[in-house]
PDB file of all heavy atoms in Angstrom:
ATOM      1  N   VAL A   1       5.458 -17.784 -17.712  1.00  0.00           N
ATOM      2  CA  VAL A   1       5.384 -17.963 -16.271  1.00  0.00           C
ATOM      3  C   VAL A   1       6.074 -16.886 -15.549  1.00  0.00           C
ATOM      4  O   VAL A   1       5.554 -16.282 -14.522  1.00  0.00           O
ATOM      5  CB  VAL A   1       5.892 -19.375 -15.861  1.00  0.00           C
ATOM      6  CG1 VAL A   1       5.917 -19.467 -14.309  1.00  0.00           C
ATOM      7  CG2 VAL A   1       5.019 -20.447 -16.364  1.00  0.00           C
ATOM      8  N   THR A   2       7.307 -16.520 -15.946  1.00  0.00           N
ATOM      9  CA  THR A   2       8.051 -15.463 -15.261  1.00  0.00           C
ATOM     10  C   THR A   2       7.339 -14.090 -15.467  1.00  0.00           C
ATOM     11  O   THR A   2       7.355 -13.206 -14.576  1.00  0.00           O
ATOM     12  CB  THR A   2       9.509 -15.370 -15.790  1.00  0.00           C
ATOM     13  OG1 THR A   2       9.482 -15.325 -17.221  1.00  0.00           O
ATOM     14  CG2 THR A   2      10.260 -16.632 -15.411  1.00  0.00           C
ATOM     15  N   THR A   3       6.736 -13.870 -16.625  1.00  0.00           N
ATOM     16  CA  THR A   3       5.975 -12.654 -16.862  1.00  0.00           C
ATOM     17  C   THR A   3       4.822 -12.534 -15.925  1.00  0.00           C
ATOM     18  O   THR A   3       4.501 -11.478 -15.359  1.00  0.00           O
ATOM     19  CB  THR A   3       5.527 -12.568 -18.294  1.00  0.00           C
ATOM     20  OG1 THR A   3       6.652 -12.623 -19.190  1.00  0.00           O
ATOM     21  CG2 THR A   3       4.758 -11.301 -18.590  1.00  0.00           C
ATOM     22  N   CYS A   4       4.058 -13.672 -15.735  1.00  0.00           N
ATOM     23  CA  CYS A   4       2.923 -13.703 -14.836  1.00  0.00           C
ATOM     24  C   CYS A   4       3.360 -13.368 -13.370  1.00  0.00           C
ATOM     25  O   CYS A   4       2.690 -12.632 -12.671  1.00  0.00           O
ATOM     26  CB  CYS A   4       2.201 -15.028 -14.866  1.00  0.00           C
ATOM     27  SG  CYS A   4       1.375 -15.364 -16.424  1.00  0.00           S
ATOM     28  N   ILE A   5       4.543 -13.917 -12.940  1.00  0.00           N
ATOM     29  CA  ILE A   5       5.058 -13.668 -11.589  1.00  0.00           C
ATOM     30  C   ILE A   5       5.446 -12.172 -11.516  1.00  0.00           C
ATOM     31  O   ILE A   5       5.121 -11.573 -10.446  1.00  0.00           O
ATOM     32  CB  ILE A   5       6.242 -14.531 -11.331  1.00  0.00           C
ATOM     33  CG1 ILE A   5       5.875 -15.993 -11.352  1.00  0.00           C
ATOM     34  CG2 ILE A   5       6.882 -14.179  -9.960  1.00  0.00           C
ATOM     35  CD1 ILE A   5       6.998 -16.983 -11.157  1.00  0.00           C
ATOM     36  N   CYS A   6       5.989 -11.588 -12.532  1.00  0.00           N
ATOM     37  CA  CYS A   6       6.333 -10.185 -12.533  1.00  0.00           C
ATOM     38  C   CYS A   6       5.118  -9.279 -12.338  1.00  0.00           C
ATOM     39  O   CYS A   6       5.097  -8.296 -11.679  1.00  0.00           O
ATOM     40  CB  CYS A   6       7.112  -9.795 -13.748  1.00  0.00           C
ATOM     41  SG  CYS A   6       8.860 -10.401 -13.769  1.00  0.00           S
ATOM     42  N   VAL A   7       4.021  -9.657 -13.070  1.00  0.00           N
ATOM     43  CA  VAL A   7       2.791  -8.899 -13.017  1.00  0.00           C
ATOM     44  C   VAL A   7       2.254  -9.001 -11.585  1.00  0.00           C
ATOM     45  O   VAL A   7       1.803  -7.909 -11.021  1.00  0.00           O
ATOM     46  CB  VAL A   7       1.746  -9.496 -13.950  1.00  0.00           C
ATOM     47  CG1 VAL A   7       0.363  -8.829 -13.734  1.00  0.00           C
ATOM     48  CG2 VAL A   7       2.192  -9.208 -15.410  1.00  0.00           C
ATOM     49  N   MET A   8       2.283 -10.148 -10.986  1.00  0.00           N
ATOM     50  CA  MET A   8       1.853 -10.313  -9.563  1.00  0.00           C
ATOM     51  C   MET A   8       2.622  -9.439  -8.664  1.00  0.00           C
ATOM     52  O   MET A   8       2.106  -8.769  -7.746  1.00  0.00           O
ATOM     53  CB  MET A   8       1.860 -11.767  -9.167  1.00  0.00           C
ATOM     54  CG  MET A   8       0.825 -12.668  -9.900  1.00  0.00           C
ATOM     55  SD  MET A   8       0.955 -14.412  -9.360  1.00  0.00           S
ATOM     56  CE  MET A   8       0.683 -14.227  -7.610  1.00  0.00           C
ATOM     57  N   LEU A   9       3.979  -9.454  -8.825  1.00  0.00           N
ATOM     58  CA  LEU A   9       4.872  -8.652  -7.946  1.00  0.00           C
ATOM     59  C   LEU A   9       4.528  -7.082  -8.093  1.00  0.00           C
ATOM     60  O   LEU A   9       4.504  -6.383  -7.146  1.00  0.00           O
ATOM     61  CB  LEU A   9       6.295  -8.880  -8.315  1.00  0.00           C
ATOM     62  CG  LEU A   9       6.877 -10.200  -7.787  1.00  0.00           C
ATOM     63  CD1 LEU A   9       8.297 -10.398  -8.310  1.00  0.00           C
ATOM     64  CD2 LEU A   9       6.868 -10.286  -6.283  1.00  0.00           C
ATOM     65  N   ASN A  10       4.306  -6.681  -9.299  1.00  0.00           N
ATOM     66  CA  ASN A  10       3.953  -5.275  -9.585  1.00  0.00           C
ATOM     67  C   ASN A  10       2.618  -4.937  -8.853  1.00  0.00           C
ATOM     68  O   ASN A  10       2.573  -3.839  -8.209  1.00  0.00           O
ATOM     69  CB  ASN A  10       3.849  -4.984 -11.057  1.00  0.00           C
ATOM     70  CG  ASN A  10       5.145  -4.990 -11.802  1.00  0.00           C
ATOM     71  OD1 ASN A  10       5.275  -5.421 -12.913  1.00  0.00           O
ATOM     72  ND2 ASN A  10       6.223  -4.430 -11.121  1.00  0.00           N
ATOM     73  N   LEU A  11       1.615  -5.767  -8.986  1.00  0.00           N
ATOM     74  CA  LEU A  11       0.387  -5.484  -8.333  1.00  0.00           C
ATOM     75  C   LEU A  11       0.452  -5.515  -6.808  1.00  0.00           C
ATOM     76  O   LEU A  11      -0.156  -4.687  -6.116  1.00  0.00           O
ATOM     77  CB  LEU A  11      -0.675  -6.462  -8.796  1.00  0.00           C
ATOM     78  CG  LEU A  11      -0.995  -6.462 -10.348  1.00  0.00           C
ATOM     79  CD1 LEU A  11      -2.039  -7.443 -10.781  1.00  0.00           C
ATOM     80  CD2 LEU A  11      -1.460  -5.001 -10.742  1.00  0.00           C
ATOM     81  N   VAL A  12       1.204  -6.541  -6.290  1.00  0.00           N
ATOM     82  CA  VAL A  12       1.382  -6.587  -4.817  1.00  0.00           C
ATOM     83  C   VAL A  12       2.123  -5.337  -4.354  1.00  0.00           C
ATOM     84  O   VAL A  12       1.731  -4.790  -3.331  1.00  0.00           O
ATOM     85  CB  VAL A  12       2.155  -7.881  -4.470  1.00  0.00           C
ATOM     86  CG1 VAL A  12       2.583  -7.875  -2.999  1.00  0.00           C
ATOM     87  CG2 VAL A  12       1.257  -9.080  -4.691  1.00  0.00           C
ATOM     88  N   GLU A  13       3.172  -4.873  -5.053  1.00  0.00           N
ATOM     89  CA  GLU A  13       3.876  -3.734  -4.654  1.00  0.00           C
ATOM     90  C   GLU A  13       3.040  -2.475  -4.741  1.00  0.00           C
ATOM     91  O   GLU A  13       3.075  -1.600  -3.813  1.00  0.00           O
ATOM     92  CB  GLU A  13       5.123  -3.459  -5.478  1.00  0.00           C
ATOM     93  CG  GLU A  13       6.053  -2.378  -5.029  1.00  0.00           C
ATOM     94  CD  GLU A  13       7.318  -2.276  -5.787  1.00  0.00           C
ATOM     95  OE1 GLU A  13       7.442  -2.864  -6.854  1.00  0.00           O
ATOM     96  OE2 GLU A  13       8.160  -1.547  -5.342  1.00  0.00           O
ATOM     97  N   ALA A  14       2.199  -2.328  -5.783  1.00  0.00           N
ATOM     98  CA  ALA A  14       1.262  -1.224  -5.830  1.00  0.00           C
ATOM     99  C   ALA A  14       0.269  -1.218  -4.629  1.00  0.00           C
ATOM    100  O   ALA A  14      -0.020  -0.158  -4.099  1.00  0.00           O
ATOM    101  CB  ALA A  14       0.488  -1.221  -7.189  1.00  0.00           C
ATOM    102  N   ALA A  15      -0.258  -2.383  -4.309  1.00  0.00           N
ATOM    103  CA  ALA A  15      -1.250  -2.458  -3.259  1.00  0.00           C
ATOM    104  C   ALA A  15      -0.500  -2.171  -1.879  1.00  0.00           C
ATOM    105  O   ALA A  15      -1.099  -1.485  -1.026  1.00  0.00           O
ATOM    106  CB  ALA A  15      -1.798  -3.930  -3.181  1.00  0.00           C
ATOM    107  N   TYR A  16       0.812  -2.586  -1.752  1.00  0.00           N
ATOM    108  CA  TYR A  16       1.492  -2.254  -0.541  1.00  0.00           C
ATOM    109  C   TYR A  16       1.733  -0.731  -0.378  1.00  0.00           C
ATOM    110  O   TYR A  16       1.589  -0.206   0.671  1.00  0.00           O
ATOM    111  CB  TYR A  16       2.875  -2.969  -0.643  1.00  0.00           C
ATOM    112  CG  TYR A  16       3.871  -2.512   0.381  1.00  0.00           C
ATOM    113  CD1 TYR A  16       3.803  -2.943   1.733  1.00  0.00           C
ATOM    114  CD2 TYR A  16       4.946  -1.684  -0.014  1.00  0.00           C
ATOM    115  CE1 TYR A  16       4.734  -2.478   2.690  1.00  0.00           C
ATOM    116  CE2 TYR A  16       5.864  -1.198   0.970  1.00  0.00           C
ATOM    117  CZ  TYR A  16       5.715  -1.617   2.269  1.00  0.00           C
ATOM    118  OH  TYR A  16       6.591  -1.184   3.188  1.00  0.00           O
ATOM    119  N   LEU A  17       2.078  -0.098  -1.485  1.00  0.00           N
ATOM    120  CA  LEU A  17       2.305   1.382  -1.449  1.00  0.00           C
ATOM    121  C   LEU A  17       0.981   2.114  -1.125  1.00  0.00           C
ATOM    122  O   LEU A  17       0.962   3.014  -0.260  1.00  0.00           O
ATOM    123  CB  LEU A  17       2.819   1.885  -2.826  1.00  0.00           C
ATOM    124  CG  LEU A  17       4.260   1.566  -3.122  1.00  0.00           C
ATOM    125  CD1 LEU A  17       4.589   2.037  -4.533  1.00  0.00           C
ATOM    126  CD2 LEU A  17       5.263   2.115  -2.118  1.00  0.00           C
ATOM    127  N   ILE A  18      -0.053   1.731  -1.709  1.00  0.00           N
ATOM    128  CA  ILE A  18      -1.399   2.378  -1.415  1.00  0.00           C
ATOM    129  C   ILE A  18      -1.825   2.074  -0.020  1.00  0.00           C
ATOM    130  O   ILE A  18      -2.282   2.998   0.686  1.00  0.00           O
ATOM    131  CB  ILE A  18      -2.439   1.883  -2.461  1.00  0.00           C
ATOM    132  CG1 ILE A  18      -2.044   2.338  -3.858  1.00  0.00           C
ATOM    133  CG2 ILE A  18      -3.831   2.416  -2.056  1.00  0.00           C
ATOM    134  CD1 ILE A  18      -2.958   1.745  -4.974  1.00  0.00           C
ATOM    135  N   GLY A  19      -1.694   0.835   0.392  1.00  0.00           N
ATOM    136  CA  GLY A  19      -2.042   0.507   1.825  1.00  0.00           C
ATOM    137  C   GLY A  19      -1.232   1.240   2.845  1.00  0.00           C
ATOM    138  O   GLY A  19      -1.764   1.659   3.857  1.00  0.00           O
ATOM    139  N   LYS A  20       0.110   1.372   2.541  1.00  0.00           N
ATOM    140  CA  LYS A  20       0.952   2.088   3.440  1.00  0.00           C
ATOM    141  C   LYS A  20       0.602   3.549   3.516  1.00  0.00           C
ATOM    142  O   LYS A  20       0.559   4.141   4.649  1.00  0.00           O
ATOM    143  CB  LYS A  20       2.397   1.949   2.978  1.00  0.00           C
ATOM    144  CG  LYS A  20       3.431   2.555   3.923  1.00  0.00           C
ATOM    145  CD  LYS A  20       4.865   2.307   3.441  1.00  0.00           C
ATOM    146  CE  LYS A  20       5.891   2.977   4.368  1.00  0.00           C
ATOM    147  NZ  LYS A  20       7.258   2.796   3.807  1.00  0.00           N
ATOM    148  N   ARG A  21       0.252   4.124   2.379  1.00  0.00           N
ATOM    149  CA  ARG A  21      -0.097   5.572   2.338  1.00  0.00           C
ATOM    150  C   ARG A  21      -1.432   5.754   3.080  1.00  0.00           C
ATOM    151  O   ARG A  21      -1.584   6.716   3.890  1.00  0.00           O
ATOM    152  CB  ARG A  21      -0.247   6.049   0.922  1.00  0.00           C
ATOM    153  CG  ARG A  21      -0.643   7.495   0.813  1.00  0.00           C
ATOM    154  CD  ARG A  21       0.252   8.441   1.525  1.00  0.00           C
ATOM    155  NE  ARG A  21       1.581   8.390   1.111  1.00  0.00           N
ATOM    156  CZ  ARG A  21       2.142   9.172   0.185  1.00  0.00           C
ATOM    157  NH1 ARG A  21       1.364  10.024  -0.447  1.00  0.00           N
ATOM    158  NH2 ARG A  21       3.434   9.053  -0.134  1.00  0.00           N
ATOM    159  N   CYS A  22      -2.401   4.869   2.905  1.00  0.00           N
ATOM    160  CA  CYS A  22      -3.694   4.973   3.576  1.00  0.00           C
ATOM    161  C   CYS A  22      -3.466   4.829   5.122  1.00  0.00           C
ATOM    162  O   CYS A  22      -4.097   5.566   5.932  1.00  0.00           O
ATOM    163  CB  CYS A  22      -4.683   3.885   3.153  1.00  0.00           C
ATOM    164  SG  CYS A  22      -5.197   4.216   1.417  1.00  0.00           S
ATOM    165  N   HIS A  23      -2.621   3.937   5.528  1.00  0.00           N
ATOM    166  CA  HIS A  23      -2.305   3.747   6.938  1.00  0.00           C
ATOM    167  C   HIS A  23      -1.695   4.975   7.525  1.00  0.00           C
ATOM    168  O   HIS A  23      -2.050   5.337   8.723  1.00  0.00           O
ATOM    169  CB  HIS A  23      -1.373   2.540   7.131  1.00  0.00           C
ATOM    170  CG  HIS A  23      -0.982   2.229   8.517  1.00  0.00           C
ATOM    171  ND1 HIS A  23      -1.902   1.796   9.459  1.00  0.00           N
ATOM    172  CD2 HIS A  23       0.229   2.335   9.229  1.00  0.00           C
ATOM    173  CE1 HIS A  23      -1.340   1.618  10.621  1.00  0.00           C
ATOM    174  NE2 HIS A  23      -0.024   1.936  10.504  1.00  0.00           N
ATOM    175  N   GLU A  24      -0.785   5.655   6.792  1.00  0.00           N
ATOM    176  CA  GLU A  24      -0.147   6.841   7.308  1.00  0.00           C
ATOM    177  C   GLU A  24      -1.240   8.008   7.487  1.00  0.00           C
ATOM    178  O   GLU A  24      -1.125   8.740   8.470  1.00  0.00           O
ATOM    179  CB  GLU A  24       0.953   7.265   6.363  1.00  0.00           C
ATOM    180  CG  GLU A  24       2.168   6.405   6.364  1.00  0.00           C
ATOM    181  CD  GLU A  24       3.160   6.770   5.272  1.00  0.00           C
ATOM    182  OE1 GLU A  24       2.861   7.704   4.457  1.00  0.00           O
ATOM    183  OE2 GLU A  24       4.287   6.165   5.318  1.00  0.00           O
ATOM    184  N   TYR A  25      -2.142   8.051   6.488  1.00  0.00           N
ATOM    185  CA  TYR A  25      -3.223   9.067   6.600  1.00  0.00           C
ATOM    186  C   TYR A  25      -4.076   8.842   7.799  1.00  0.00           C
ATOM    187  O   TYR A  25      -4.536   9.713   8.533  1.00  0.00           O
ATOM    188  CB  TYR A  25      -3.990   9.124   5.314  1.00  0.00           C
ATOM    189  CG  TYR A  25      -3.338   9.968   4.239  1.00  0.00           C
ATOM    190  CD1 TYR A  25      -3.134   9.467   2.966  1.00  0.00           C
ATOM    191  CD2 TYR A  25      -3.049  11.325   4.458  1.00  0.00           C
ATOM    192  CE1 TYR A  25      -2.583  10.254   1.988  1.00  0.00           C
ATOM    193  CE2 TYR A  25      -2.471  12.090   3.494  1.00  0.00           C
ATOM    194  CZ  TYR A  25      -2.223  11.562   2.205  1.00  0.00           C
ATOM    195  OH  TYR A  25      -1.665  12.305   1.236  1.00  0.00           O
ATOM    196  N   LEU A  26      -4.431   7.591   8.086  1.00  0.00           N
ATOM    197  CA  LEU A  26      -5.249   7.191   9.187  1.00  0.00           C
ATOM    198  C   LEU A  26      -4.579   7.548  10.505  1.00  0.00           C
ATOM    199  O   LEU A  26      -5.167   8.077  11.421  1.00  0.00           O
ATOM    200  CB  LEU A  26      -5.585   5.750   9.140  1.00  0.00           C
ATOM    201  CG  LEU A  26      -6.608   5.327   8.032  1.00  0.00           C
ATOM    202  CD1 LEU A  26      -6.801   3.862   8.037  1.00  0.00           C
ATOM    203  CD2 LEU A  26      -7.932   6.047   8.207  1.00  0.00           C
ATOM    204  N   LEU A  27      -3.270   7.246  10.596  1.00  0.00           N
ATOM    205  CA  LEU A  27      -2.538   7.592  11.801  1.00  0.00           C
ATOM    206  C   LEU A  27      -2.440   9.074  12.023  1.00  0.00           C
ATOM    207  O   LEU A  27      -2.597   9.537  13.138  1.00  0.00           O
ATOM    208  CB  LEU A  27      -1.110   6.981  11.697  1.00  0.00           C
ATOM    209  CG  LEU A  27      -0.978   5.460  11.887  1.00  0.00           C
ATOM    210  CD1 LEU A  27       0.522   5.066  11.731  1.00  0.00           C
ATOM    211  CD2 LEU A  27      -1.472   5.051  13.254  1.00  0.00           C
ATOM    212  N   ALA A  28      -2.211   9.842  10.931  1.00  0.00           N
ATOM    213  CA  ALA A  28      -2.137  11.250  11.076  1.00  0.00           C
ATOM    214  C   ALA A  28      -3.481  11.872  11.491  1.00  0.00           C
ATOM    215  O   ALA A  28      -3.575  12.717  12.332  1.00  0.00           O
ATOM    216  CB  ALA A  28      -1.731  11.914   9.722  1.00  0.00           C
ATOM    217  N   GLY A  29      -4.580  11.282  10.941  1.00  0.00           N
ATOM    218  CA  GLY A  29      -5.920  11.726  11.306  1.00  0.00           C
ATOM    219  C   GLY A  29      -6.227  11.458  12.799  1.00  0.00           C
ATOM    220  O   GLY A  29      -6.848  12.250  13.496  1.00  0.00           O
ATOM    221  N   SER A  30      -5.825  10.279  13.266  1.00  0.00           N
ATOM    222  CA  SER A  30      -6.069   9.876  14.660  1.00  0.00           C
ATOM    223  C   SER A  30      -5.285  10.766  15.586  1.00  0.00           C
ATOM    224  O   SER A  30      -5.758  11.106  16.707  1.00  0.00           O
ATOM    225  CB  SER A  30      -5.762   8.432  14.889  1.00  0.00           C
ATOM    226  OG  SER A  30      -4.388   8.164  14.612  1.00  0.00           O
ATOM    227  N   GLU A  31      -4.030  11.070  15.223  1.00  0.00           N
ATOM    228  CA  GLU A  31      -3.216  11.990  16.084  1.00  0.00           C
ATOM    229  C   GLU A  31      -3.871  13.332  16.171  1.00  0.00           C
ATOM    230  O   GLU A  31      -3.806  13.972  17.256  1.00  0.00           O
ATOM    231  CB  GLU A  31      -1.820  12.035  15.548  1.00  0.00           C
ATOM    232  CG  GLU A  31      -1.017  10.702  15.694  1.00  0.00           C
ATOM    233  CD  GLU A  31       0.350  10.810  15.077  1.00  0.00           C
ATOM    234  OE1 GLU A  31       0.619  11.829  14.497  1.00  0.00           O
ATOM    235  OE2 GLU A  31       1.125   9.836  15.156  1.00  0.00           O
ATOM    236  N   GLU A  32      -4.351  13.874  15.055  1.00  0.00           N
ATOM    237  CA  GLU A  32      -4.965  15.191  15.068  1.00  0.00           C
ATOM    238  C   GLU A  32      -6.177  15.167  15.932  1.00  0.00           C
ATOM    239  O   GLU A  32      -6.556  16.119  16.653  1.00  0.00           O
ATOM    240  CB  GLU A  32      -5.292  15.644  13.679  1.00  0.00           C
ATOM    241  CG  GLU A  32      -4.057  15.986  12.865  1.00  0.00           C
ATOM    242  CD  GLU A  32      -4.405  16.385  11.423  1.00  0.00           C
ATOM    243  OE1 GLU A  32      -5.583  16.419  11.151  1.00  0.00           O
ATOM    244  OE2 GLU A  32      -3.465  16.700  10.622  1.00  0.00           O
ATOM    245  N   GLY A  33      -6.985  14.027  15.893  1.00  0.00           N
ATOM    246  CA  GLY A  33      -8.188  13.964  16.620  1.00  0.00           C
ATOM    247  C   GLY A  33      -7.883  13.895  18.133  1.00  0.00           C
ATOM    248  O   GLY A  33      -8.629  14.463  18.950  1.00  0.00           O
ATOM    249  N   CYS A  34      -6.762  13.206  18.486  1.00  0.00           N
ATOM    250  CA  CYS A  34      -6.408  13.180  19.934  1.00  0.00           C
ATOM    251  C   CYS A  34      -6.012  14.502  20.528  1.00  0.00           C
ATOM    252  O   CYS A  34      -6.175  14.824  21.642  1.00  0.00           O
ATOM    253  CB  CYS A  34      -5.278  12.187  20.103  1.00  0.00           C
ATOM    254  SG  CYS A  34      -5.757  10.439  19.841  1.00  0.00           S
TER     255      CYS A  34
END
């Protein structure tokens, strides 16, 4: 059970990092467009 929870935390953290990086790229692109 603890191993399954650790796997979920790793995947959530990876999704968080990727989502945060995509959000930063979108903000940078919108600022350049303005």
